[in-house]
Amino acid sequence: MRVEADADLCQGHQMCQGEAPSVFGFDRDADVVVLLDEAPGEELREQVAAAVRYCPAMALSVTG
């Protein structure tokens, strides 16, 4: 699985961190999401899918 985050769409809600904290971080200076793991293992698929689903700005996506 591959995770992508669009910093231009990110509004800094940090919902993704609550769902998958080992995959998504936050740059406080830029007020945007940062990817801690662009290719997380399958064991994190449910958490990553929840982060994508609950992102208010729809700034996250997953492929594969």
PDB file of N, CA and C in Angstrom:
ATOM      1  N   MET A   1       0.852  -1.173   0.000  1.00  0.00           N
ATOM      2  CA  MET A   1       0.000   0.000   0.000  1.00  0.00           C
ATOM      3  C   MET A   1       0.895   1.231   0.000  1.00  0.00           C
ATOM      4  N   ARG A   2       0.445   2.243  -0.684  1.00  0.00           N
ATOM      5  CA  ARG A   2       1.178   3.509  -0.767  1.00  0.00           C
ATOM      6  C   ARG A   2       0.241   4.634  -0.326  1.00  0.00           C
ATOM      7  N   VAL A   3       0.750   5.511   0.539  1.00  0.00           N
ATOM      8  CA  VAL A   3      -0.046   6.612   1.087  1.00  0.00           C
ATOM      9  C   VAL A   3       0.468   7.935   0.524  1.00  0.00           C
ATOM     10  N   GLU A   4      -0.466   8.810   0.197  1.00  0.00           N
ATOM     11  CA  GLU A   4      -0.105  10.143  -0.282  1.00  0.00           C
ATOM     12  C   GLU A   4      -0.881  11.190   0.510  1.00  0.00           C
ATOM     13  N   ALA A   5      -0.231  12.323   0.731  1.00  0.00           N
ATOM     14  CA  ALA A   5      -0.869  13.446   1.421  1.00  0.00           C
ATOM     15  C   ALA A   5      -0.626  14.707   0.608  1.00  0.00           C
ATOM     16  N   ASP A   6      -1.692  15.424   0.317  1.00  0.00           N
ATOM     17  CA  ASP A   6      -1.605  16.665  -0.448  1.00  0.00           C
ATOM     18  C   ASP A   6      -1.539  17.832   0.533  1.00  0.00           C
ATOM     19  N   ALA A   7      -0.351  18.375   0.722  1.00  0.00           N
ATOM     20  CA  ALA A   7      -0.144  19.467   1.678  1.00  0.00           C
ATOM     21  C   ALA A   7      -0.923  20.716   1.278  1.00  0.00           C
ATOM     22  N   ASP A   8      -1.209  20.873  -0.009  1.00  0.00           N
ATOM     23  CA  ASP A   8      -1.975  22.037  -0.458  1.00  0.00           C
ATOM     24  C   ASP A   8      -3.436  21.954  -0.021  1.00  0.00           C
ATOM     25  N   LEU A   9      -3.953  20.739   0.119  1.00  0.00           N
ATOM     26  CA  LEU A   9      -5.338  20.552   0.557  1.00  0.00           C
ATOM     27  C   LEU A   9      -5.466  20.485   2.078  1.00  0.00           C
ATOM     28  N   CYS A  10      -4.409  20.055   2.747  1.00  0.00           N
ATOM     29  CA  CYS A  10      -4.440  19.864   4.200  1.00  0.00           C
ATOM     30  C   CYS A  10      -4.813  21.164   4.910  1.00  0.00           C
ATOM     31  N   GLN A  11      -5.743  21.042   5.862  1.00  0.00           N
ATOM     32  CA  GLN A  11      -6.185  22.201   6.649  1.00  0.00           C
ATOM     33  C   GLN A  11      -5.743  22.110   8.110  1.00  0.00           C
ATOM     34  N   GLY A  12      -4.905  21.122   8.421  1.00  0.00           N
ATOM     35  CA  GLY A  12      -4.336  21.013   9.750  1.00  0.00           C
ATOM     36  C   GLY A  12      -5.264  20.482  10.825  1.00  0.00           C
ATOM     37  N   HIS A  13      -6.288  19.720  10.467  1.00  0.00           N
ATOM     38  CA  HIS A  13      -7.220  19.183  11.459  1.00  0.00           C
ATOM     39  C   HIS A  13      -6.596  18.085  12.318  1.00  0.00           C
ATOM     40  N   GLN A  14      -5.594  17.398  11.790  1.00  0.00           N
ATOM     41  CA  GLN A  14      -4.848  16.340  12.469  1.00  0.00           C
ATOM     42  C   GLN A  14      -5.679  15.102  12.801  1.00  0.00           C
ATOM     43  N   MET A  15      -6.792  14.901  12.125  1.00  0.00           N
ATOM     44  CA  MET A  15      -7.611  13.706  12.323  1.00  0.00           C
ATOM     45  C   MET A  15      -6.810  12.448  11.970  1.00  0.00           C
ATOM     46  N   CYS A  16      -5.978  12.548  10.962  1.00  0.00           N
ATOM     47  CA  CYS A  16      -5.196  11.401  10.508  1.00  0.00           C
ATOM     48  C   CYS A  16      -4.270  10.877  11.595  1.00  0.00           C
ATOM     49  N   GLN A  17      -3.724  11.777  12.381  1.00  0.00           N
ATOM     50  CA  GLN A  17      -2.832  11.358  13.465  1.00  0.00           C
ATOM     51  C   GLN A  17      -3.566  10.507  14.491  1.00  0.00           C
ATOM     52  N   GLY A  18      -4.792  10.829  14.758  1.00  0.00           N
ATOM     53  CA  GLY A  18      -5.577  10.058  15.703  1.00  0.00           C
ATOM     54  C   GLY A  18      -5.886   8.665  15.204  1.00  0.00           C
ATOM     55  N   GLU A  19      -6.028   8.520  13.889  1.00  0.00           N
ATOM     56  CA  GLU A  19      -6.362   7.229  13.297  1.00  0.00           C
ATOM     57  C   GLU A  19      -5.135   6.356  13.053  1.00  0.00           C
ATOM     58  N   ALA A  20      -4.048   6.957  12.583  1.00  0.00           N
ATOM     59  CA  ALA A  20      -2.839   6.193  12.242  1.00  0.00           C
ATOM     60  C   ALA A  20      -1.589   6.997  12.618  1.00  0.00           C
ATOM     61  N   PRO A  21      -1.300   7.098  13.911  1.00  0.00           N
ATOM     62  CA  PRO A  21      -0.194   7.954  14.363  1.00  0.00           C
ATOM     63  C   PRO A  21       1.195   7.503  13.920  1.00  0.00           C
ATOM     64  N   SER A  22       1.350   6.242  13.547  1.00  0.00           N
ATOM     65  CA  SER A  22       2.659   5.793  13.072  1.00  0.00           C
ATOM     66  C   SER A  22       2.870   6.105  11.590  1.00  0.00           C
ATOM     67  N   VAL A  23       1.815   6.526  10.918  1.00  0.00           N
ATOM     68  CA  VAL A  23       1.890   6.833   9.485  1.00  0.00           C
ATOM     69  C   VAL A  23       1.862   8.341   9.231  1.00  0.00           C
ATOM     70  N   PHE A  24       1.056   9.061  10.023  1.00  0.00           N
ATOM     71  CA  PHE A  24       0.876  10.500   9.802  1.00  0.00           C
ATOM     72  C   PHE A  24       1.420  11.317  10.969  1.00  0.00           C
ATOM     73  N   GLY A  25       2.173  12.334  10.629  1.00  0.00           N
ATOM     74  CA  GLY A  25       2.673  13.279  11.616  1.00  0.00           C
ATOM     75  C   GLY A  25       2.143  14.652  11.281  1.00  0.00           C
ATOM     76  N   PHE A  26       2.690  15.658  11.941  1.00  0.00           N
ATOM     77  CA  PHE A  26       2.206  17.017  11.711  1.00  0.00           C
ATOM     78  C   PHE A  26       3.352  18.003  11.826  1.00  0.00           C
ATOM     79  N   ASP A  27       3.470  18.885  10.851  1.00  0.00           N
ATOM     80  CA  ASP A  27       4.467  19.956  10.868  1.00  0.00           C
ATOM     81  C   ASP A  27       3.777  21.204  11.411  1.00  0.00           C
ATOM     82  N   ARG A  28       4.036  21.512  12.661  1.00  0.00           N
ATOM     83  CA  ARG A  28       3.369  22.650  13.309  1.00  0.00           C
ATOM     84  C   ARG A  28       3.724  23.987  12.655  1.00  0.00           C
ATOM     85  N   ASP A  29       4.945  24.119  12.183  1.00  0.00           N
ATOM     86  CA  ASP A  29       5.353  25.374  11.546  1.00  0.00           C
ATOM     87  C   ASP A  29       4.591  25.617  10.242  1.00  0.00           C
ATOM     88  N   ALA A  30       4.431  24.570   9.453  1.00  0.00           N
ATOM     89  CA  ALA A  30       3.731  24.695   8.175  1.00  0.00           C
ATOM     90  C   ALA A  30       2.229  24.440   8.320  1.00  0.00           C
ATOM     91  N   ASP A  31       1.807  23.893   9.473  1.00  0.00           N
ATOM     92  CA  ASP A  31       0.404  23.582   9.758  1.00  0.00           C
ATOM     93  C   ASP A  31      -0.174  22.585   8.756  1.00  0.00           C
ATOM     94  N   VAL A  32       0.616  21.547   8.445  1.00  0.00           N
ATOM     95  CA  VAL A  32       0.178  20.524   7.496  1.00  0.00           C
ATOM     96  C   VAL A  32       0.638  19.130   7.938  1.00  0.00           C
ATOM     97  N   VAL A  33      -0.023  18.134   7.384  1.00  0.00           N
ATOM     98  CA  VAL A  33       0.324  16.741   7.614  1.00  0.00           C
ATOM     99  C   VAL A  33       1.680  16.424   6.994  1.00  0.00           C
ATOM    100  N   VAL A  34       2.400  15.498   7.616  1.00  0.00           N
ATOM    101  CA  VAL A  34       3.615  14.936   7.034  1.00  0.00           C
ATOM    102  C   VAL A  34       3.496  13.416   7.112  1.00  0.00           C
ATOM    103  N   LEU A  35       4.004  12.757   6.110  1.00  0.00           N
ATOM    104  CA  LEU A  35       3.981  11.300   6.104  1.00  0.00           C
ATOM    105  C   LEU A  35       5.200  10.771   6.845  1.00  0.00           C
ATOM    106  N   LEU A  36       4.960   9.942   7.841  1.00  0.00           N
ATOM    107  CA  LEU A  36       6.039   9.300   8.576  1.00  0.00           C
ATOM    108  C   LEU A  36       6.401   7.975   7.921  1.00  0.00           C
ATOM    109  N   ASP A  37       5.450   7.406   7.191  1.00  0.00           N
ATOM    110  CA  ASP A  37       5.645   6.120   6.517  1.00  0.00           C
ATOM    111  C   ASP A  37       4.808   6.113   5.239  1.00  0.00           C
ATOM    112  N   GLU A  38       5.468   6.269   4.094  1.00  0.00           N
ATOM    113  CA  GLU A  38       4.758   6.328   2.818  1.00  0.00           C
ATOM    114  C   GLU A  38       4.288   4.965   2.332  1.00  0.00           C
ATOM    115  N   ALA A  39       4.848   3.900   2.887  1.00  0.00           N
ATOM    116  CA  ALA A  39       4.480   2.548   2.468  1.00  0.00           C
ATOM    117  C   ALA A  39       4.285   1.662   3.704  1.00  0.00           C
ATOM    118  N   PRO A  40       3.250   1.948   4.483  1.00  0.00           N
ATOM    119  CA  PRO A  40       3.022   1.153   5.695  1.00  0.00           C
ATOM    120  C   PRO A  40       2.610  -0.285   5.364  1.00  0.00           C
ATOM    121  N   GLY A  41       2.829  -1.173   6.303  1.00  0.00           N
ATOM    122  CA  GLY A  41       2.476  -2.576   6.122  1.00  0.00           C
ATOM    123  C   GLY A  41       0.978  -2.794   6.134  1.00  0.00           C
ATOM    124  N   GLU A  42       0.593  -3.957   5.650  1.00  0.00           N
ATOM    125  CA  GLU A  42      -0.824  -4.321   5.551  1.00  0.00           C
ATOM    126  C   GLU A  42      -1.531  -4.296   6.902  1.00  0.00           C
ATOM    127  N   GLU A  43      -0.796  -4.513   7.981  1.00  0.00           N
ATOM    128  CA  GLU A  43      -1.415  -4.514   9.307  1.00  0.00           C
ATOM    129  C   GLU A  43      -1.982  -3.151   9.686  1.00  0.00           C
ATOM    130  N   LEU A  44      -1.583  -2.110   8.960  1.00  0.00           N
ATOM    131  CA  LEU A  44      -2.078  -0.752   9.227  1.00  0.00           C
ATOM    132  C   LEU A  44      -3.165  -0.303   8.245  1.00  0.00           C
ATOM    133  N   ARG A  45      -3.562  -1.189   7.349  1.00  0.00           N
ATOM    134  CA  ARG A  45      -4.523  -0.798   6.299  1.00  0.00           C
ATOM    135  C   ARG A  45      -5.814  -0.215   6.873  1.00  0.00           C
ATOM    136  N   GLU A  46      -6.377  -0.827   7.890  1.00  0.00           N
ATOM    137  CA  GLU A  46      -7.631  -0.318   8.452  1.00  0.00           C
ATOM    138  C   GLU A  46      -7.470   1.071   9.048  1.00  0.00           C
ATOM    139  N   GLN A  47      -6.371   1.294   9.762  1.00  0.00           N
ATOM    140  CA  GLN A  47      -6.141   2.610  10.362  1.00  0.00           C
ATOM    141  C   GLN A  47      -5.914   3.684   9.288  1.00  0.00           C
ATOM    142  N   VAL A  48      -5.145   3.324   8.260  1.00  0.00           N
ATOM    143  CA  VAL A  48      -4.886   4.276   7.173  1.00  0.00           C
ATOM    144  C   VAL A  48      -6.182   4.573   6.419  1.00  0.00           C
ATOM    145  N   ALA A  49      -6.978   3.555   6.160  1.00  0.00           N
ATOM    146  CA  ALA A  49      -8.258   3.761   5.468  1.00  0.00           C
ATOM    147  C   ALA A  49      -9.166   4.676   6.279  1.00  0.00           C
ATOM    148  N   ALA A  50      -9.164   4.522   7.597  1.00  0.00           N
ATOM    149  CA  ALA A  50      -9.971   5.401   8.456  1.00  0.00           C
ATOM    150  C   ALA A  50      -9.462   6.830   8.382  1.00  0.00           C
ATOM    151  N   ALA A  51      -8.150   7.000   8.384  1.00  0.00           N
ATOM    152  CA  ALA A  51      -7.576   8.348   8.283  1.00  0.00           C
ATOM    153  C   ALA A  51      -7.982   9.015   6.976  1.00  0.00           C
ATOM    154  N   VAL A  52      -7.931   8.258   5.884  1.00  0.00           N
ATOM    155  CA  VAL A  52      -8.340   8.790   4.575  1.00  0.00           C
ATOM    156  C   VAL A  52      -9.820   9.153   4.604  1.00  0.00           C
ATOM    157  N   ARG A  53     -10.626   8.271   5.135  1.00  0.00           N
ATOM    158  CA  ARG A  53     -12.081   8.462   5.173  1.00  0.00           C
ATOM    159  C   ARG A  53     -12.482   9.664   6.019  1.00  0.00           C
ATOM    160  N   TYR A  54     -11.814   9.874   7.141  1.00  0.00           N
ATOM    161  CA  TYR A  54     -12.211  10.930   8.074  1.00  0.00           C
ATOM    162  C   TYR A  54     -11.503  12.266   7.857  1.00  0.00           C
ATOM    163  N   CYS A  55     -10.624  12.360   6.870  1.00  0.00           N
ATOM    164  CA  CYS A  55      -9.936  13.626   6.608  1.00  0.00           C
ATOM    165  C   CYS A  55     -10.950  14.647   6.090  1.00  0.00           C
ATOM    166  N   PRO A  56     -11.211  15.723   6.853  1.00  0.00           N
ATOM    167  CA  PRO A  56     -12.198  16.716   6.425  1.00  0.00           C
ATOM    168  C   PRO A  56     -11.842  17.419   5.120  1.00  0.00           C
ATOM    169  N   ALA A  57     -10.549  17.528   4.831  1.00  0.00           N
ATOM    170  CA  ALA A  57     -10.105  18.241   3.640  1.00  0.00           C
ATOM    171  C   ALA A  57      -9.893  17.305   2.450  1.00  0.00           C
ATOM    172  N   MET A  58     -10.074  15.993   2.659  1.00  0.00           N
ATOM    173  CA  MET A  58      -9.846  14.998   1.621  1.00  0.00           C
ATOM    174  C   MET A  58      -8.434  15.143   1.027  1.00  0.00           C
ATOM    175  N   ALA A  59      -7.471  15.339   1.911  1.00  0.00           N
ATOM    176  CA  ALA A  59      -6.082  15.552   1.485  1.00  0.00           C
ATOM    177  C   ALA A  59      -5.272  14.259   1.418  1.00  0.00           C
ATOM    178  N   LEU A  60      -5.871  13.132   1.816  1.00  0.00           N
ATOM    179  CA  LEU A  60      -5.138  11.871   1.881  1.00  0.00           C
ATOM    180  C   LEU A  60      -5.671  10.886   0.857  1.00  0.00           C
ATOM    181  N   SER A  61      -4.771  10.010   0.382  1.00  0.00           N
ATOM    182  CA  SER A  61      -5.192   8.940  -0.501  1.00  0.00           C
ATOM    183  C   SER A  61      -4.296   7.732  -0.283  1.00  0.00           C
ATOM    184  N   VAL A  62      -4.812   6.581  -0.675  1.00  0.00           N
ATOM    185  CA  VAL A  62      -4.054   5.336  -0.565  1.00  0.00           C
ATOM    186  C   VAL A  62      -4.241   4.553  -1.852  1.00  0.00           C
ATOM    187  N   THR A  63      -3.164   3.945  -2.327  1.00  0.00           N
ATOM    188  CA  THR A  63      -3.219   3.093  -3.502  1.00  0.00           C
ATOM    189  C   THR A  63      -2.582   1.756  -3.164  1.00  0.00           C
ATOM    190  N   GLY A  64      -3.019   0.751  -3.868  1.00  0.00           N
ATOM    191  CA  GLY A  64      -2.430  -0.580  -3.698  1.00  0.00           C
ATOM    192  C   GLY A  64      -2.961  -1.380  -2.574  1.00  0.00           C
TER     193      GLY A  64
END
